[in-house]
């Protein structure tokens, strides 16, 4: 069938997750002509079933000193929170090598203020969004409590708390009585806690769909069910975006395709070190006895987030490629974990249980890739946010709108360049 060439667009955004729709919102709010192309439905990927955290506290990247040495055994354990499926894949091997190289004190300390600046930027924009738009996606500022059942793990986390305090993050160390005051629904097995008030949370699916609605209300065109199949480049610029529904021409192209960004970049002969990191969640109808604020179950690496009338448990980071199977061992690990910390779990409605997984776009240094390509003039990257897509969505959208308009970006983009790798 002959493809139809659409009239030239000002800007084409590729990807309908929270990053893509946030970019479409800020661009359309500027009065720009924006078309967003999504291969599935809006919020169909990692933006839907995650923990929904706006995390601006423990901004320590996954790539940290000692992680490769202490985590090698864990990374090869199929039930561990961070699992790498062994396979002969050159992209994975290259990613792991870059990850190991990033696990040093200098890199970690350079990354912390960058992550904090991105998080604070999104916090400020969330407040602005609520002042200027009519939105409802369950936004709550209640902080987050990290719960500990062992003295050993608490001592390790105390060092992390001291580290982030150097960068202005407030943390409160709690004993068992202090934990009960903050969250009465924790079991007596919880001996310690660390409370951080610089966290908020949203319902991520509602958040993404609300941002789509806002983008459309400002004139953005959203096209779903349309896969990008390739690109034509002329004299160092993208001249057309080829899709399953036709060919689009645009003055500027935003690549915000999450975990699929590396595949699309290859079609332009570009290399992005992004691996799909599979995360899992279990969502239930919220029981009568339920946590009042987001929790982190420290020893089990499990997040607990109350979202209106639902309760969600999220965990794991699995580098297994685009493997669509659900690892029931990992699901069962989440179920067992929450029973070690929380009361009321026996009252969960099993019939309401929703199992979910999504692919997070993980970079080796745990920083996103944001900025204009140095090889293709009219291509802008907005991807690689790993587990912090919800956290960094609004500031990324704002930065993209500034880059396309040749404005001075609100943040220094040098640490986020694609070419840093």
Protein backbone atom coordinates (compact mmCIF):
# COMPACT_ATOMS: atom_id res chain seq x y z
CA UNK A 1 0.00 0.00 0.00
CA UNK A 2 1.35 3.42 -0.90
CA UNK A 3 2.34 5.50 2.09
CA UNK A 4 0.86 8.94 2.46
CA UNK A 5 3.16 11.84 3.17
CA UNK A 6 1.58 14.20 5.69
CA UNK A 7 2.04 17.97 5.60
CA UNK A 8 5.21 19.06 7.34
CA UNK A 9 4.95 19.23 11.10
CA UNK A 10 6.87 21.66 13.23
CA UNK A 11 7.80 19.01 15.79
CA UNK A 12 7.29 15.23 15.92
CA UNK A 13 7.54 13.51 19.32
CA UNK A 14 8.14 9.75 19.22
CA UNK A 15 6.79 7.95 22.27
CA UNK A 16 3.55 8.14 24.27
CA UNK A 17 4.83 7.49 27.77
CA UNK A 18 5.04 10.12 30.48
CA UNK A 19 8.18 11.70 28.97
CA UNK A 20 6.67 12.03 25.50
CA UNK A 21 3.34 13.48 26.62
CA UNK A 22 5.11 15.89 28.99
CA UNK A 23 7.24 17.13 26.09
CA UNK A 24 4.13 17.45 23.91
CA UNK A 25 2.43 19.47 26.66
CA UNK A 26 5.19 22.04 27.12
CA UNK A 27 5.79 22.35 23.38
CA UNK A 28 2.10 22.82 22.57
CA UNK A 29 1.76 25.28 25.45
CA UNK A 30 4.36 27.40 23.64
CA UNK A 31 2.05 27.44 20.63
CA UNK A 32 4.21 25.01 18.65
CA UNK A 33 2.73 22.60 16.09
CA UNK A 34 3.29 19.21 17.74
CA UNK A 35 2.44 15.68 16.63
CA UNK A 36 3.10 12.77 19.01
CA UNK A 37 3.41 9.28 17.52
CA UNK A 38 2.93 6.20 19.72
CA UNK A 39 3.09 2.60 18.49
CA UNK A 40 0.55 1.37 21.06
CA UNK A 41 -1.68 3.33 23.38
CA UNK A 42 -0.80 6.23 25.66
CA UNK A 43 0.59 4.96 28.99
CA UNK A 44 0.75 1.38 27.72
CA UNK A 45 4.37 0.81 28.80
CA UNK A 46 6.47 1.56 31.88
CA UNK A 47 4.44 4.71 32.65
CA UNK A 48 1.38 2.76 33.83
CA UNK A 49 2.15 0.32 36.62
CA UNK A 50 5.16 1.78 38.41
CA UNK A 51 5.45 3.07 41.99
CA UNK A 52 4.35 6.58 41.03
CA UNK A 53 7.02 8.24 43.15
CA UNK A 54 8.28 11.78 42.69
CA UNK A 55 11.64 10.96 44.23
CA UNK A 56 13.96 13.77 45.21
CA UNK A 57 15.59 12.35 48.31
CA UNK A 58 17.96 9.43 48.05
CA UNK A 59 19.37 10.61 44.73
CA UNK A 60 22.17 8.06 44.69
CA UNK A 61 22.56 6.39 41.30
CA UNK A 62 22.39 2.62 40.97
CA UNK A 63 25.91 2.82 39.56
CA UNK A 64 27.72 3.33 42.88
CA UNK A 65 31.05 2.24 44.38
CA UNK A 66 31.18 -1.42 45.37
CA UNK A 67 28.02 -2.43 43.50
CA UNK A 68 29.71 -4.69 40.90
CA UNK A 69 31.75 -6.56 43.53
CA UNK A 70 29.04 -7.03 46.14
CA UNK A 71 26.26 -7.47 43.61
CA UNK A 72 27.68 -9.99 41.12
CA UNK A 73 26.16 -12.97 42.89
CA UNK A 74 22.87 -11.12 43.35
CA UNK A 75 22.77 -10.02 39.71
CA UNK A 76 22.86 -13.64 38.58
CA UNK A 77 20.12 -14.78 41.00
CA UNK A 78 16.78 -14.94 39.15
CA UNK A 79 14.84 -13.93 42.29
CA UNK A 80 17.10 -11.04 43.32
CA UNK A 81 15.98 -7.39 43.11
CA UNK A 82 18.61 -6.65 40.42
CA UNK A 83 18.96 -9.55 37.98
CA UNK A 84 20.95 -9.73 34.74
CA UNK A 85 19.94 -12.65 32.54
CA UNK A 86 23.17 -14.15 31.17
CA UNK A 87 23.18 -14.08 27.38
CA UNK A 88 25.57 -13.41 24.54
CA UNK A 89 24.51 -9.94 23.48
CA UNK A 90 27.06 -7.32 22.46
CA UNK A 91 24.82 -4.40 23.49
CA UNK A 92 24.34 -5.90 26.96
CA UNK A 93 28.04 -6.64 27.33
CA UNK A 94 28.88 -3.06 26.36
CA UNK A 95 26.25 -1.73 28.77
CA UNK A 96 27.58 -3.80 31.69
CA UNK A 97 31.14 -2.63 30.95
CA UNK A 98 30.03 1.02 30.99
CA UNK A 99 28.02 0.37 34.16
CA UNK A 100 31.06 -1.07 35.96
CA UNK A 101 33.17 1.91 34.87
CA UNK A 102 30.53 4.31 36.26
CA UNK A 103 30.59 2.62 39.69
CA UNK A 104 33.12 4.93 41.30
CA UNK A 105 32.96 7.64 43.94
CA UNK A 106 33.79 10.53 41.61
CA UNK A 107 31.04 9.61 39.12
CA UNK A 108 28.51 8.97 41.88
CA UNK A 109 29.17 12.32 43.56
CA UNK A 110 28.94 14.10 40.20
CA UNK A 111 25.57 12.44 39.53
CA UNK A 112 23.85 13.22 42.83
CA UNK A 113 23.43 17.00 42.31
CA UNK A 114 22.26 16.37 38.74
CA UNK A 115 19.55 13.97 39.92
CA UNK A 116 18.53 16.36 42.70
CA UNK A 117 18.27 19.28 40.27
CA UNK A 118 16.07 17.24 37.93
CA UNK A 119 13.87 16.13 40.82
CA UNK A 120 13.48 19.62 42.24
CA UNK A 121 12.72 20.95 38.78
CA UNK A 122 9.83 18.52 38.46
CA UNK A 123 8.56 19.33 41.96
CA UNK A 124 8.44 23.02 41.09
CA UNK A 125 6.64 22.30 37.82
CA UNK A 126 4.12 20.02 39.55
CA UNK A 127 3.19 22.88 41.87
CA UNK A 128 2.96 25.22 38.88
CA UNK A 129 0.82 22.70 37.00
CA UNK A 130 -1.68 22.55 39.85
CA UNK A 131 -1.86 26.34 39.96
CA UNK A 132 -2.39 26.83 36.22
CA UNK A 133 -4.28 23.73 35.03
CA UNK A 134 -7.30 21.75 36.21
CA UNK A 135 -5.67 18.40 36.95
CA UNK A 136 -6.41 15.35 39.09
CA UNK A 137 -3.95 12.48 39.21
CA UNK A 138 -3.65 11.76 42.92
CA UNK A 139 -0.73 14.06 43.64
CA UNK A 140 0.17 13.89 47.34
CA UNK A 141 3.17 15.19 49.27
CA UNK A 142 3.57 12.85 52.22
CA UNK A 143 7.24 11.95 52.07
CA UNK A 144 8.52 8.39 52.18
CA UNK A 145 9.48 6.02 55.00
CA UNK A 146 12.23 3.43 54.56
CA UNK A 147 11.53 0.51 56.91
CA UNK A 148 14.20 -1.83 58.30
CA UNK A 149 13.88 -5.19 60.01
CA UNK A 150 17.62 -5.61 60.61
CA UNK A 151 20.26 -3.52 62.35
CA UNK A 152 22.81 -4.34 59.64
CA UNK A 153 20.87 -2.89 56.73
CA UNK A 154 19.94 0.19 58.78
CA UNK A 155 23.63 0.87 59.44
CA UNK A 156 24.36 0.69 55.71
CA UNK A 157 21.51 3.07 54.86
CA UNK A 158 22.59 5.52 57.58
CA UNK A 159 25.71 6.11 55.50
CA UNK A 160 23.57 6.87 52.46
CA UNK A 161 21.44 9.23 54.55
CA UNK A 162 24.58 11.05 55.68
CA UNK A 163 25.75 11.27 52.08
CA UNK A 164 22.59 12.89 50.70
CA UNK A 165 22.48 15.24 53.68
CA UNK A 166 25.74 16.69 52.36
CA UNK A 167 23.70 17.82 49.34
CA UNK A 168 20.91 19.40 51.37
CA UNK A 169 18.49 16.47 51.64
CA UNK A 170 16.80 16.22 55.01
CA UNK A 171 16.43 12.74 56.54
CA UNK A 172 15.14 11.68 59.96
CA UNK A 173 16.50 8.52 61.64
CA UNK A 174 13.79 6.73 63.61
CA UNK A 175 13.72 3.99 66.22
CA UNK A 176 10.88 1.46 66.48
CA UNK A 177 8.63 3.90 68.37
CA UNK A 178 9.33 6.66 65.85
CA UNK A 179 8.48 4.32 62.99
CA UNK A 180 5.12 3.49 64.60
CA UNK A 181 4.30 7.17 64.94
CA UNK A 182 4.90 7.76 61.24
CA UNK A 183 3.26 4.53 60.03
CA UNK A 184 1.19 2.56 62.58
CA UNK A 185 0.47 -0.26 60.12
CA UNK A 186 4.02 -1.63 60.18
CA UNK A 187 4.70 -4.85 62.09
CA UNK A 188 6.78 -4.95 65.26
CA UNK A 189 9.50 -6.69 63.23
CA UNK A 190 10.40 -3.23 61.86
CA UNK A 191 13.15 -1.95 64.15
CA UNK A 192 14.29 1.23 62.42
CA UNK A 193 13.21 3.74 59.82
CA UNK A 194 14.48 6.66 57.78
CA UNK A 195 11.91 9.28 56.87
CA UNK A 196 12.52 11.65 53.96
CA UNK A 197 9.99 14.42 53.37
CA UNK A 198 11.24 15.32 49.87
CA UNK A 199 9.09 12.66 48.20
CA UNK A 200 5.62 12.82 46.70
CA UNK A 201 3.55 10.35 44.72
CA UNK A 202 0.95 10.21 41.98
CA UNK A 203 -1.15 7.61 40.22
CA UNK A 204 1.22 7.21 37.23
CA UNK A 205 -1.38 5.99 34.75
CA UNK A 206 -3.71 8.89 35.54
CA UNK A 207 -0.75 11.28 35.48
CA UNK A 208 0.26 10.20 31.98
CA UNK A 209 -3.29 10.36 30.63
CA UNK A 210 -3.88 13.77 32.22
CA UNK A 211 -0.72 15.09 30.56
CA UNK A 212 -2.02 13.76 27.25
CA UNK A 213 -5.31 15.57 27.80
CA UNK A 214 -3.53 18.80 28.64
CA UNK A 215 -1.28 18.51 25.60
CA UNK A 216 -4.30 18.03 23.34
CA UNK A 217 -6.10 20.93 25.02
CA UNK A 218 -3.21 23.16 23.92
CA UNK A 219 -3.37 21.87 20.34
CA UNK A 220 -1.05 18.85 20.26
CA UNK A 221 -1.98 16.06 17.86
CA UNK A 222 -1.73 12.56 19.41
CA UNK A 223 -1.55 9.60 17.01
CA UNK A 224 -1.63 6.10 18.55
CA UNK A 225 -1.34 2.65 17.01
CA UNK A 226 1.41 3.93 14.71
CA UNK A 227 4.88 2.36 14.77
CA UNK A 228 7.96 4.22 13.58
CA UNK A 229 9.67 1.99 11.01
CA UNK A 230 12.61 4.13 9.93
CA UNK A 231 14.06 7.52 9.13
CA UNK A 232 15.41 9.32 6.10
CA UNK A 233 18.31 11.68 6.71
CA UNK A 234 19.60 14.37 4.39
CA UNK A 235 22.68 16.51 4.99
CA UNK A 236 22.87 15.63 8.67
CA UNK A 237 19.15 16.14 9.40
CA UNK A 238 16.10 13.90 9.61
CA UNK A 239 14.13 14.65 6.47
CA UNK A 240 11.27 12.22 7.18
CA UNK A 241 9.96 9.80 9.80
CA UNK A 242 8.56 6.63 8.25
CA UNK A 243 5.71 4.92 10.11
CA UNK A 244 3.20 2.12 9.68
CA UNK A 245 0.58 4.75 8.83
CA UNK A 246 2.53 7.08 6.57
CA UNK A 247 5.54 9.34 6.30
CA UNK A 248 5.90 12.40 8.50
CA UNK A 249 8.20 15.31 7.80
CA UNK A 250 9.17 17.64 10.60
CA UNK A 251 11.53 20.47 11.38
CA UNK A 252 12.52 18.83 14.68
CA UNK A 253 12.16 15.28 16.07
CA UNK A 254 12.04 14.34 19.76
CA UNK A 255 13.06 10.75 20.58
CA UNK A 256 11.17 9.87 23.76
CA UNK A 257 10.53 6.19 23.12
CA UNK A 258 11.77 4.91 26.47
CA UNK A 259 13.30 1.45 26.36
CA UNK A 260 12.78 1.31 22.59
CA UNK A 261 14.88 4.42 21.97
CA UNK A 262 18.06 2.43 21.32
CA UNK A 263 16.36 0.38 18.60
CA UNK A 264 15.06 3.50 16.89
CA UNK A 265 18.41 5.25 17.21
CA UNK A 266 20.06 2.36 15.38
CA UNK A 267 17.81 3.10 12.41
CA UNK A 268 19.62 6.45 12.24
CA UNK A 269 23.04 4.75 12.68
CA UNK A 270 23.29 6.13 16.22
CA UNK A 271 24.19 4.21 19.36
CA UNK A 272 22.41 4.75 22.68
CA UNK A 273 23.48 2.55 25.63
CA UNK A 274 19.97 1.85 26.87
CA UNK A 275 18.85 -1.54 28.15
CA UNK A 276 15.22 -2.49 28.85
CA UNK A 277 15.11 -3.04 32.61
CA UNK A 278 11.97 -4.97 33.43
CA UNK A 279 10.16 -3.95 36.59
CA UNK A 280 7.20 -5.74 38.19
CA UNK A 281 4.26 -4.61 40.29
CA UNK A 282 1.23 -6.03 42.04
CA UNK A 283 -1.83 -3.79 42.44
CA UNK A 284 -4.80 -4.47 44.70
CA UNK A 285 -7.99 -2.82 45.80
CA UNK A 286 -6.90 -0.90 48.87
CA UNK A 287 -7.73 -2.89 52.03
CA UNK A 288 -9.29 -1.40 55.17
CA UNK A 289 -5.91 -1.52 56.94
CA UNK A 290 -3.38 0.10 54.65
CA UNK A 291 -0.21 2.24 54.75
CA UNK A 292 -0.83 5.97 54.90
CA UNK A 293 2.25 7.02 52.94
CA UNK A 294 4.77 5.49 50.49
CA UNK A 295 7.15 2.95 52.00
CA UNK A 296 10.40 1.29 51.01
CA UNK A 297 10.91 -2.17 52.51
CA UNK A 298 14.67 -1.92 52.70
CA UNK A 299 15.82 -5.52 52.97
CA UNK A 300 13.44 -6.69 50.24
CA UNK A 301 13.94 -3.74 47.86
CA UNK A 302 10.16 -3.40 47.54
CA UNK A 303 8.21 -0.14 47.25
CA UNK A 304 4.70 0.26 48.66
CA UNK A 305 2.50 3.08 47.38
CA UNK A 306 -1.09 3.85 48.41
CA UNK A 307 -2.86 5.50 45.45
CA UNK A 308 -6.41 6.52 46.26
CA UNK A 309 -8.46 3.33 46.28
CA UNK A 310 -5.60 1.05 45.22
CA UNK A 311 -2.43 -0.23 46.89
CA UNK A 312 0.63 -1.04 44.77
CA UNK A 313 3.77 -3.06 45.48
CA UNK A 314 6.69 -2.66 43.07
CA UNK A 315 10.09 -4.28 42.92
CA UNK A 316 12.97 -5.65 40.88
CA UNK A 317 15.19 -4.56 38.04
CA UNK A 318 15.64 -7.31 35.48
CA UNK A 319 17.97 -6.94 32.48
CA UNK A 320 16.59 -9.72 30.31
CA UNK A 321 16.02 -7.91 27.03
CA UNK A 322 12.49 -7.53 25.68
CA UNK A 323 11.33 -10.75 27.31
CA UNK A 324 7.50 -10.57 27.58
CA UNK A 325 7.14 -13.42 30.07
CA UNK A 326 6.22 -12.77 33.68
CA UNK A 327 8.67 -14.38 36.08
CA UNK A 328 6.33 -15.83 38.71
CA UNK A 329 9.24 -16.33 41.09
CA UNK A 330 9.71 -12.57 41.19
CA UNK A 331 5.99 -11.97 41.65
CA UNK A 332 5.92 -14.39 44.56
CA UNK A 333 8.96 -12.68 46.09
CA UNK A 334 6.98 -9.41 46.17
CA UNK A 335 4.03 -11.15 47.84
CA UNK A 336 6.24 -12.68 50.53
CA UNK A 337 8.15 -9.46 51.13
CA UNK A 338 5.21 -7.30 52.13
CA UNK A 339 3.98 -9.87 54.65
CA UNK A 340 7.23 -9.42 56.59
CA UNK A 341 6.56 -5.71 57.21
CA UNK A 342 2.85 -4.84 57.01
CA UNK A 343 -0.35 -5.58 58.88
CA UNK A 344 -3.60 -6.04 56.97
CA UNK A 345 -2.01 -7.93 54.10
CA UNK A 346 -4.22 -10.97 54.76
CA UNK A 347 -7.18 -8.75 53.91
CA UNK A 348 -5.98 -8.06 50.36
CA UNK A 349 -8.62 -8.95 47.79
CA UNK A 350 -6.88 -11.59 45.67
CA UNK A 351 -9.56 -11.27 42.99
CA UNK A 352 -8.57 -7.62 42.47
CA UNK A 353 -4.87 -8.46 41.99
CA UNK A 354 -3.25 -7.09 38.84
CA UNK A 355 0.16 -8.39 37.82
CA UNK A 356 2.16 -5.95 35.69
CA UNK A 357 5.57 -5.50 34.17
CA UNK A 358 7.12 -2.70 32.19
CA UNK A 359 10.44 -1.96 30.49
CA UNK A 360 12.38 0.94 32.01
CA UNK A 361 15.04 2.60 29.83
CA UNK A 362 18.24 2.08 31.84
CA UNK A 363 21.51 3.87 31.09
CA UNK A 364 24.85 2.65 32.53
CA UNK A 365 25.35 5.71 34.79
CA UNK A 366 21.66 5.99 35.81
CA UNK A 367 21.34 9.50 34.35
CA UNK A 368 18.86 10.27 31.56
CA UNK A 369 19.83 11.32 28.05
CA UNK A 370 18.47 14.80 27.32
CA UNK A 371 19.66 17.21 24.67
CA UNK A 372 20.26 17.80 21.00
CA UNK A 373 22.16 15.16 19.06
CA UNK A 374 25.65 16.20 18.00
CA UNK A 375 25.36 14.08 14.84
CA UNK A 376 21.83 14.80 13.62
CA UNK A 377 21.02 18.50 13.77
CA UNK A 378 17.25 18.34 14.25
CA UNK A 379 17.11 15.35 16.63
CA UNK A 380 16.59 15.84 20.37
CA UNK A 381 16.89 13.03 22.91
CA UNK A 382 14.53 12.71 25.88
CA UNK A 383 15.05 9.18 27.11
CA UNK A 384 17.00 6.86 29.41
CA UNK A 385 15.24 7.83 32.65
CA UNK A 386 15.46 4.35 34.19
CA UNK A 387 13.35 4.12 37.35
CA UNK A 388 12.85 7.91 37.53
CA UNK A 389 10.62 8.60 34.53
CA UNK A 390 7.71 9.84 36.64
CA UNK A 391 10.08 11.91 38.77
CA UNK A 392 11.83 13.61 35.85
CA UNK A 393 8.94 13.83 33.38
CA UNK A 394 7.92 17.46 33.74
CA UNK A 395 11.40 18.92 33.89
CA UNK A 396 12.37 16.85 30.84
CA UNK A 397 9.36 18.16 28.93
CA UNK A 398 10.25 21.72 29.93
CA UNK A 399 13.89 21.27 28.90
CA UNK A 400 12.84 19.85 25.54
CA UNK A 401 10.62 22.87 24.90
CA UNK A 402 13.55 25.16 25.71
CA UNK A 403 15.98 23.25 23.48
CA UNK A 404 13.65 23.30 20.49
CA UNK A 405 13.11 27.02 20.94
CA UNK A 406 16.85 27.73 21.26
CA UNK A 407 16.27 29.07 24.77
CA UNK A 408 18.73 28.81 27.62
CA UNK A 409 17.90 25.49 29.33
CA UNK A 410 16.81 25.67 32.96
CA UNK A 411 19.50 23.12 33.87
CA UNK A 412 23.00 22.34 32.65
CA UNK A 413 22.64 19.63 30.00
CA UNK A 414 26.32 18.75 29.74
CA UNK A 415 26.08 15.72 32.12
CA UNK A 416 23.07 14.44 30.14
CA UNK A 417 24.59 14.46 26.64
CA UNK A 418 24.16 11.25 24.64
CA UNK A 419 27.77 11.55 23.57
CA UNK A 420 29.07 11.27 27.16
CA UNK A 421 29.28 7.53 26.64
